[in-house]
Amino acid sequence: MSDKDKDINRILMQFEHIMRQGNRERINPLIEELAIDDLKPIIDLVARTRASYLKHLHDLCNKYYGSDDLPSAEEFKRLRAYRKRFVELADGAKSFEISIQRGYLDIKS
């Protein structure tokens, strides 16, 4: 490994440390220690929005199955709203998962 590669690795490790420290300092005081039961509302809401989105998509596809017609602009708008709601919440849940993995949040034993 060259000296330049070593320098790059060193600065990346320092950056990772500073990023973890900064995130923990900002996030941890805002959210109490978590137990699995504290995460259930997040999981439930994501699951419900996923189910709602998939149900709407399924119903829309069944409506137009075997037809040359396509969903209307309004139907696409509604489908997009279902998807955006689900994706936003799923991304938020993933952020919680990452925050737990990286030690930004405290976990109850």
Protein backbone atom coordinates (compact mmCIF):
# COMPACT_ATOMS: atom_id res chain seq x y z
CA MET A 1 0.00 0.00 0.00
CA SER A 2 1.40 3.39 -0.97
CA ASP A 3 1.80 6.29 1.43
CA LYS A 4 -1.00 8.10 -0.43
CA ASP A 5 -3.35 5.13 0.08
CA LYS A 6 -2.44 5.05 3.77
CA ASP A 7 -3.17 8.77 4.05
CA ILE A 8 -6.52 8.30 2.33
CA ASN A 9 -7.45 5.40 4.63
CA ARG A 10 -6.40 7.37 7.70
CA ILE A 11 -8.48 10.41 6.77
CA LEU A 12 -11.47 8.22 5.92
CA MET A 13 -11.23 6.54 9.32
CA GLN A 14 -11.04 9.94 11.02
CA PHE A 15 -13.98 11.18 8.96
CA GLU A 16 -16.04 8.11 9.94
CA HIS A 17 -15.20 8.68 13.61
CA ILE A 18 -16.15 12.36 13.46
CA MET A 19 -19.36 11.56 11.58
CA ARG A 20 -20.37 8.91 14.14
CA GLN A 21 -19.56 11.24 17.01
CA GLY A 22 -21.47 14.16 15.49
CA ASN A 23 -24.52 12.06 14.68
CA ARG A 24 -24.57 10.50 18.14
CA GLU A 25 -24.27 13.93 19.80
CA ARG A 26 -27.21 15.29 17.77
CA ILE A 27 -29.51 12.25 17.59
CA ASN A 28 -29.04 10.50 20.93
CA PRO A 29 -30.35 13.28 23.21
CA LEU A 30 -33.57 13.51 21.19
CA ILE A 31 -34.62 9.85 21.41
CA GLU A 32 -34.83 7.81 24.60
CA GLU A 33 -33.16 4.43 25.00
CA LEU A 34 -34.88 1.99 22.69
CA ALA A 35 -36.24 -1.49 23.24
CA ILE A 36 -37.74 -3.63 20.50
CA ASP A 37 -41.24 -2.62 21.64
CA ASP A 38 -40.32 1.02 20.96
CA LEU A 39 -39.64 0.13 17.32
CA LYS A 40 -42.93 -1.70 16.76
CA PRO A 41 -44.90 1.47 15.90
CA ILE A 42 -42.36 2.29 13.17
CA ILE A 43 -42.45 -1.24 11.80
CA ASP A 44 -46.25 -1.32 11.92
CA LEU A 45 -46.70 1.99 10.09
CA VAL A 46 -44.23 1.01 7.36
CA ALA A 47 -45.95 -2.36 6.96
CA ARG A 48 -49.38 -0.72 6.73
CA THR A 49 -48.25 1.79 4.11
CA ARG A 50 -46.50 -0.97 2.14
CA ALA A 51 -49.69 -3.05 2.24
CA SER A 52 -51.79 -0.06 1.19
CA TYR A 53 -49.47 0.73 -1.73
CA LEU A 54 -49.33 -2.87 -2.93
CA LYS A 55 -53.11 -3.28 -2.59
CA HIS A 56 -53.69 -0.14 -4.65
CA LEU A 57 -51.21 -1.30 -7.29
CA HIS A 58 -52.79 -4.76 -7.41
CA ASP A 59 -56.30 -3.34 -7.75
CA LEU A 60 -55.19 -0.93 -10.47
CA CYS A 61 -53.47 -3.70 -12.45
CA ASN A 62 -56.50 -5.96 -12.15
CA LYS A 63 -58.76 -3.14 -13.36
CA TYR A 64 -56.78 -2.80 -16.60
CA TYR A 65 -55.78 -6.42 -17.11
CA GLY A 66 -56.75 -7.63 -20.57
CA SER A 67 -57.56 -4.10 -21.73
CA ASP A 68 -55.74 -1.79 -24.08
CA ASP A 69 -56.58 1.09 -21.74
CA LEU A 70 -54.09 2.52 -19.27
CA PRO A 71 -54.68 4.10 -15.88
CA SER A 72 -55.73 7.73 -15.97
CA ALA A 73 -53.53 10.59 -14.86
CA GLU A 74 -55.55 10.77 -11.65
CA GLU A 75 -55.06 7.05 -11.00
CA PHE A 76 -51.30 7.44 -11.52
CA LYS A 77 -51.33 10.43 -9.20
CA ARG A 78 -53.01 8.37 -6.47
CA LEU A 79 -50.59 5.45 -7.02
CA ARG A 80 -47.64 7.84 -6.79
CA ALA A 81 -49.01 9.24 -3.52
CA TYR A 82 -49.29 5.72 -2.06
CA ARG A 83 -45.74 4.93 -3.20
CA LYS A 84 -44.25 8.18 -1.91
CA ARG A 85 -45.89 7.68 1.48
CA PHE A 86 -44.54 4.12 1.71
CA VAL A 87 -41.04 4.99 0.46
CA GLU A 88 -40.73 7.96 2.81
CA LEU A 89 -41.64 5.85 5.82
CA ALA A 90 -39.49 2.90 4.69
CA ASP A 91 -36.52 5.25 4.30
CA GLY A 92 -37.18 6.60 7.78
CA ALA A 93 -37.27 3.09 9.23
CA LYS A 94 -34.00 2.32 7.45
CA SER A 95 -32.50 5.46 9.00
CA PHE A 96 -33.51 4.16 12.42
CA GLU A 97 -31.90 0.81 11.64
CA ILE A 98 -28.66 2.48 10.52
CA SER A 99 -28.69 4.77 13.57
CA ILE A 100 -28.94 1.73 15.83
CA GLN A 101 -26.21 -0.14 13.94
CA ARG A 102 -23.84 2.82 14.12
CA GLY A 103 -24.45 3.49 17.80
CA TYR A 104 -26.20 6.84 17.44
CA LEU A 105 -29.05 5.55 19.61
CA ASP A 106 -28.89 3.72 22.93
CA ILE A 107 -30.50 0.31 23.26
CA LYS A 108 -32.10 -1.03 26.43
CA SER A 109 -30.51 -4.25 27.62
